[in-house]
Protein backbone atom coordinates (compact mmCIF):
# COMPACT_ATOMS: atom_id res chain seq x y z
CA MET A 1 -85.68 -86.99 186.95
CA SER A 2 -84.42 -90.37 187.91
CA ASN A 3 -80.88 -91.22 188.79
CA GLU A 4 -80.53 -93.15 185.59
CA GLU A 5 -81.59 -90.17 183.55
CA ILE A 6 -79.17 -87.90 185.44
CA ILE A 7 -76.32 -90.37 184.93
CA LEU A 8 -77.27 -90.68 181.26
CA LYS A 9 -77.29 -86.90 180.90
CA ILE A 10 -73.90 -86.64 182.63
CA LEU A 11 -72.52 -89.43 180.46
CA THR A 12 -73.81 -87.66 177.36
CA GLU A 13 -72.14 -84.43 178.46
CA ILE A 14 -68.92 -86.31 179.18
CA GLN A 15 -69.13 -87.93 175.75
CA THR A 16 -69.66 -84.50 174.18
CA ASP A 17 -66.67 -83.11 176.14
CA ILE A 18 -64.53 -86.07 175.08
CA ASN A 19 -65.51 -85.54 171.45
CA GLN A 20 -64.67 -81.85 171.79
CA LEU A 21 -61.30 -82.78 173.34
CA LYS A 22 -60.64 -85.12 170.42
CA THR A 23 -61.49 -82.34 167.97
CA ASP A 24 -59.30 -79.87 169.88
CA SER A 25 -56.48 -82.42 169.98
CA ALA A 26 -56.74 -83.00 166.23
CA GLN A 27 -56.73 -79.24 165.66
CA MET A 28 -53.66 -78.87 167.87
CA LYS A 29 -51.89 -81.57 165.85
CA THR A 30 -52.75 -79.70 162.67
CA ASP A 31 -51.51 -76.43 164.18
CA ILE A 32 -48.26 -78.08 165.33
CA ASN A 33 -47.69 -79.55 161.86
CA GLN A 34 -48.30 -76.13 160.33
CA LEU A 35 -45.81 -74.58 162.76
CA LYS A 36 -43.27 -77.24 161.87
CA ALA A 37 -43.84 -76.55 158.19
CA THR A 38 -43.51 -72.81 158.83
CA SER A 39 -40.26 -73.39 160.71
CA ALA A 40 -38.96 -75.52 157.86
CA THR A 41 -40.00 -72.82 155.44
CA LYS A 42 -38.15 -70.21 157.50
CA TYR A 43 -35.10 -72.47 157.47
CA ASP A 44 -35.45 -72.87 153.71
CA LEU A 45 -35.78 -69.09 153.30
CA ASN A 46 -32.66 -68.54 155.37
CA GLU A 47 -30.84 -71.10 153.27
CA ILE A 48 -32.03 -69.39 150.08
CA LYS A 49 -30.94 -66.00 151.45
CA GLU A 50 -27.51 -67.45 152.21
CA ASP A 51 -27.30 -68.89 148.69
CA ILE A 52 -28.28 -65.53 147.19
CA LYS A 53 -25.56 -63.84 149.27
CA TYR A 54 -22.95 -66.20 147.81
CA ILE A 55 -24.35 -65.74 144.31
CA LYS A 56 -24.00 -61.97 144.70
CA ILE A 57 -20.41 -62.39 145.84
CA GLY A 58 -19.78 -64.64 142.85
CA ASN A 59 -21.34 -62.06 140.54
CA VAL A 60 -19.04 -59.36 141.90
CA GLU A 61 -16.03 -61.63 141.37
CA ASN A 62 -17.22 -62.49 137.86
CA LYS A 63 -17.62 -58.79 137.03
CA LEU A 64 -14.09 -58.08 138.24
CA ILE A 65 -12.76 -60.94 136.12
CA PHE A 66 -14.81 -59.75 133.14
CA ASP A 67 -13.50 -56.19 133.55
CA ALA A 68 -9.91 -57.47 133.71
CA LEU A 69 -10.46 -59.60 130.59
CA LEU A 70 -12.06 -56.66 128.79
CA HIS A 71 -9.09 -54.46 129.68
CA ASN A 72 -6.64 -57.13 128.47
CA SER A 73 -8.65 -57.46 125.27
CA GLU A 74 -8.45 -53.71 124.67
CA VAL A 75 -4.70 -53.73 125.36
CA HIS A 76 -4.22 -56.63 122.92
CA LYS A 77 -6.30 -54.87 120.28
CA SER A 78 -4.18 -51.77 120.69
CA GLU A 79 -1.00 -53.83 120.34
CA ILE A 80 -2.37 -55.60 117.26
CA ASP A 81 -3.29 -52.22 115.72
CA LYS A 82 0.26 -51.01 116.42
CA ILE A 83 1.71 -54.16 114.80
CA ASN A 84 -0.57 -53.67 111.78
CA ILE A 85 0.67 -50.10 111.37
CA GLU A 86 4.29 -51.28 111.60
CA MET A 87 3.55 -54.05 109.07
CA SER A 88 2.09 -51.48 106.68
CA LYS A 89 5.26 -49.38 107.01
CA VAL A 90 7.49 -52.41 106.46
CA SER A 91 5.39 -53.48 103.48
CA ALA A 92 5.72 -50.02 101.92
CA LEU A 93 9.48 -50.06 102.55
CA VAL A 94 9.84 -53.52 100.99
CA LYS A 95 7.83 -52.37 97.97
CA LYS A 96 10.12 -49.34 97.57
CA MET A 97 13.21 -51.55 97.95
CA LYS A 98 11.88 -53.92 95.27
CA HIS A 99 11.34 -50.97 92.96
CA ASP A 100 14.87 -49.72 93.65
CA LEU A 101 16.26 -53.24 93.05
CA TYR A 102 14.46 -53.47 89.72
CA THR A 103 15.91 -50.08 88.82
CA VAL A 104 19.43 -51.29 89.78
CA GLU A 105 18.90 -54.46 87.71
CA ALA A 106 17.79 -52.38 84.72
CA ILE A 107 20.80 -50.06 85.06
CA THR A 108 23.12 -53.04 85.53
CA GLY A 109 21.67 -54.64 82.44
CA GLN A 110 22.20 -51.44 80.50
CA ASN A 111 25.80 -51.28 81.80
CA PHE A 112 26.44 -54.85 80.61
CA ALA A 113 25.03 -53.92 77.23
CA ASP A 114 27.26 -50.82 77.10
CA ILE A 115 30.33 -52.85 78.14
CA ALA A 116 29.58 -55.43 75.49
CA LEU A 117 29.24 -52.64 72.90
CA ILE A 118 32.54 -51.07 74.02
CA LYS A 119 34.27 -54.46 73.80
CA GLN A 120 32.89 -54.96 70.35
CA ILE A 121 34.06 -51.53 69.23
CA SER A 122 37.53 -51.99 70.72
CA ASP A 123 37.89 -55.46 69.15
CA SER A 124 36.97 -54.14 65.75
CA LYS A 125 39.84 -51.63 65.75
């Protein structure tokens, strides 16, 4: 083998090694980008976990508010039912008073008629 052939062979091997280094370098860049993406994804997951934590806290607060509103609603319904019962009693009492008033008016009317009759009888004597 001549020196030229040996140098050519060495140069070919060097060229092959350089090409392999380029390929390895490109692969490393790809791996680094994937790691960066994975790190960003982990950051995003942590952020999402934090958001979920606050959403859960908000849900607990909302449930407490809802429970308080439900209780107030039940109390108000009870009070309205009580008022309705009282209104029914008052309505019945007013109805009875009207009936009694009509009875008094009828009796008073009859008394006026009797007085008028007595006056007529006493005037005729």
